[in-house]
């Protein structure tokens, strides 16, 4: 993420945007960091440590799909046909991995 952020900043040039720094913006940014990143990651890793490695890996594969579904439900985001095709590819890959693991063990 650091490398992509540096590369994208060459094209987007974020230093050219003026961001009003009010107390609400700073409080929201701190909340995003603490709740959305630190707490979410901590709870996720704690929960994954309680599972077997196979179940934790399967859960990690469904993480992007679940976040997109929650975005659609909670924020009303609409998706294109390409988005839906990507979701089905992710879900299909998870099922294929489970089938292959079942045959190998």
Protein backbone atom coordinates (compact mmCIF):
# COMPACT_ATOMS: atom_id res chain seq x y z
CA UNK A 1 0.00 0.00 0.00
CA UNK A 2 2.87 2.35 0.69
CA UNK A 3 4.42 1.76 -2.72
CA UNK A 4 1.10 2.13 -4.55
CA UNK A 5 0.35 5.29 -2.56
CA UNK A 6 3.66 6.81 -3.57
CA UNK A 7 3.19 5.85 -7.22
CA UNK A 8 -0.40 7.09 -7.36
CA UNK A 9 0.56 10.38 -5.74
CA UNK A 10 2.64 11.13 -8.83
CA UNK A 11 -0.56 11.05 -10.92
CA UNK A 12 -3.14 12.40 -8.45
CA UNK A 13 -0.89 15.03 -6.85
CA UNK A 14 -2.66 15.21 -3.46
CA UNK A 15 -0.59 18.21 -2.39
CA UNK A 16 -2.59 20.35 -4.82
CA UNK A 17 -5.88 19.81 -2.91
CA UNK A 18 -6.85 22.05 -0.05
CA UNK A 19 -8.43 20.10 2.80
CA UNK A 20 -10.19 22.10 5.51
CA UNK A 21 -8.93 20.76 8.82
CA UNK A 22 -11.78 21.27 11.24
CA UNK A 23 -12.15 19.45 14.54
CA UNK A 24 -14.79 17.16 12.97
CA UNK A 25 -12.43 16.14 10.16
CA UNK A 26 -9.60 15.38 12.60
CA UNK A 27 -11.94 13.49 14.95
CA UNK A 28 -13.36 11.47 12.05
CA UNK A 29 -9.88 10.67 10.77
CA UNK A 30 -8.74 9.50 14.21
CA UNK A 31 -11.92 7.40 14.55
CA UNK A 32 -11.28 5.84 11.17
CA UNK A 33 -7.75 4.91 12.17
CA UNK A 34 -8.59 3.60 15.63
CA UNK A 35 -11.90 1.84 15.00
CA UNK A 36 -11.72 0.98 11.33
CA UNK A 37 -8.11 -0.12 11.18
CA UNK A 38 -6.62 -0.90 14.58
CA UNK A 39 -9.66 -2.40 16.32
CA UNK A 40 -10.95 -4.16 13.20
CA UNK A 41 -7.58 -5.75 12.48
CA UNK A 42 -7.09 -6.76 16.12
CA UNK A 43 -10.50 -8.44 16.34
CA UNK A 44 -10.03 -10.14 12.99
CA UNK A 45 -6.64 -11.60 13.93
CA UNK A 46 -7.89 -12.66 17.36
CA UNK A 47 -10.86 -14.44 15.78
CA UNK A 48 -8.67 -16.06 13.13
CA UNK A 49 -6.32 -17.37 15.83
CA UNK A 50 -9.23 -19.29 17.35
CA UNK A 51 -9.88 -21.14 14.07
CA UNK A 52 -7.97 -23.82 12.25
CA UNK A 53 -5.64 -22.57 9.48
CA UNK A 54 -7.97 -23.87 6.75
CA UNK A 55 -11.03 -22.12 8.19
CA UNK A 56 -9.04 -18.93 8.77
CA UNK A 57 -7.85 -18.99 5.14
CA UNK A 58 -11.40 -19.49 3.89
CA UNK A 59 -12.58 -16.61 6.05
CA UNK A 60 -9.82 -14.40 4.64
CA UNK A 61 -11.00 -15.20 1.11
CA UNK A 62 -14.54 -14.09 1.91
CA UNK A 63 -13.39 -10.85 3.55
CA UNK A 64 -13.48 -8.72 0.36
CA UNK A 65 -16.88 -10.07 -0.63
CA UNK A 66 -18.40 -9.46 2.80
CA UNK A 67 -17.10 -5.90 2.89
CA UNK A 68 -18.62 -5.20 -0.52
CA UNK A 69 -21.96 -6.70 0.49
CA UNK A 70 -22.04 -4.62 3.66
CA UNK A 71 -21.22 -1.54 1.60
CA UNK A 72 -24.18 -2.29 -0.66
CA UNK A 73 -26.54 -2.92 2.24
CA UNK A 74 -25.49 -0.10 4.53
CA UNK A 75 -24.51 2.60 2.05
CA UNK A 76 -26.72 1.74 -0.92
CA UNK A 77 -23.84 1.36 -3.38
CA UNK A 78 -24.78 -0.08 -6.76
CA UNK A 79 -22.52 -2.43 -8.71
CA UNK A 80 -21.85 -2.99 -12.38
CA UNK A 81 -21.83 -6.30 -14.21
CA UNK A 82 -18.03 -6.32 -14.00
CA UNK A 83 -18.21 -5.96 -10.21
CA UNK A 84 -20.64 -8.85 -9.95
CA UNK A 85 -18.44 -11.00 -12.21
CA UNK A 86 -15.52 -10.31 -9.87
CA UNK A 87 -17.58 -11.37 -6.86
CA UNK A 88 -18.50 -14.64 -8.53
CA UNK A 89 -14.86 -15.25 -9.47
CA UNK A 90 -13.78 -14.79 -5.84
CA UNK A 91 -16.52 -17.05 -4.50
CA UNK A 92 -15.78 -19.64 -7.20
CA UNK A 93 -12.07 -19.61 -6.37
CA UNK A 94 -12.83 -20.22 -2.70
CA UNK A 95 -15.01 -23.21 -3.54
CA UNK A 96 -12.39 -24.59 -5.94
CA UNK A 97 -9.71 -24.27 -3.26
CA UNK A 98 -11.93 -26.16 -0.83
CA UNK A 99 -12.50 -28.93 -3.37
CA UNK A 100 -8.79 -29.26 -4.09
CA UNK A 101 -7.92 -29.32 -0.39
CA UNK A 102 -10.47 -32.06 0.17
CA UNK A 103 -8.87 -34.24 -2.51
CA UNK A 104 -5.30 -33.62 -1.37
CA UNK A 105 -5.88 -34.53 2.27
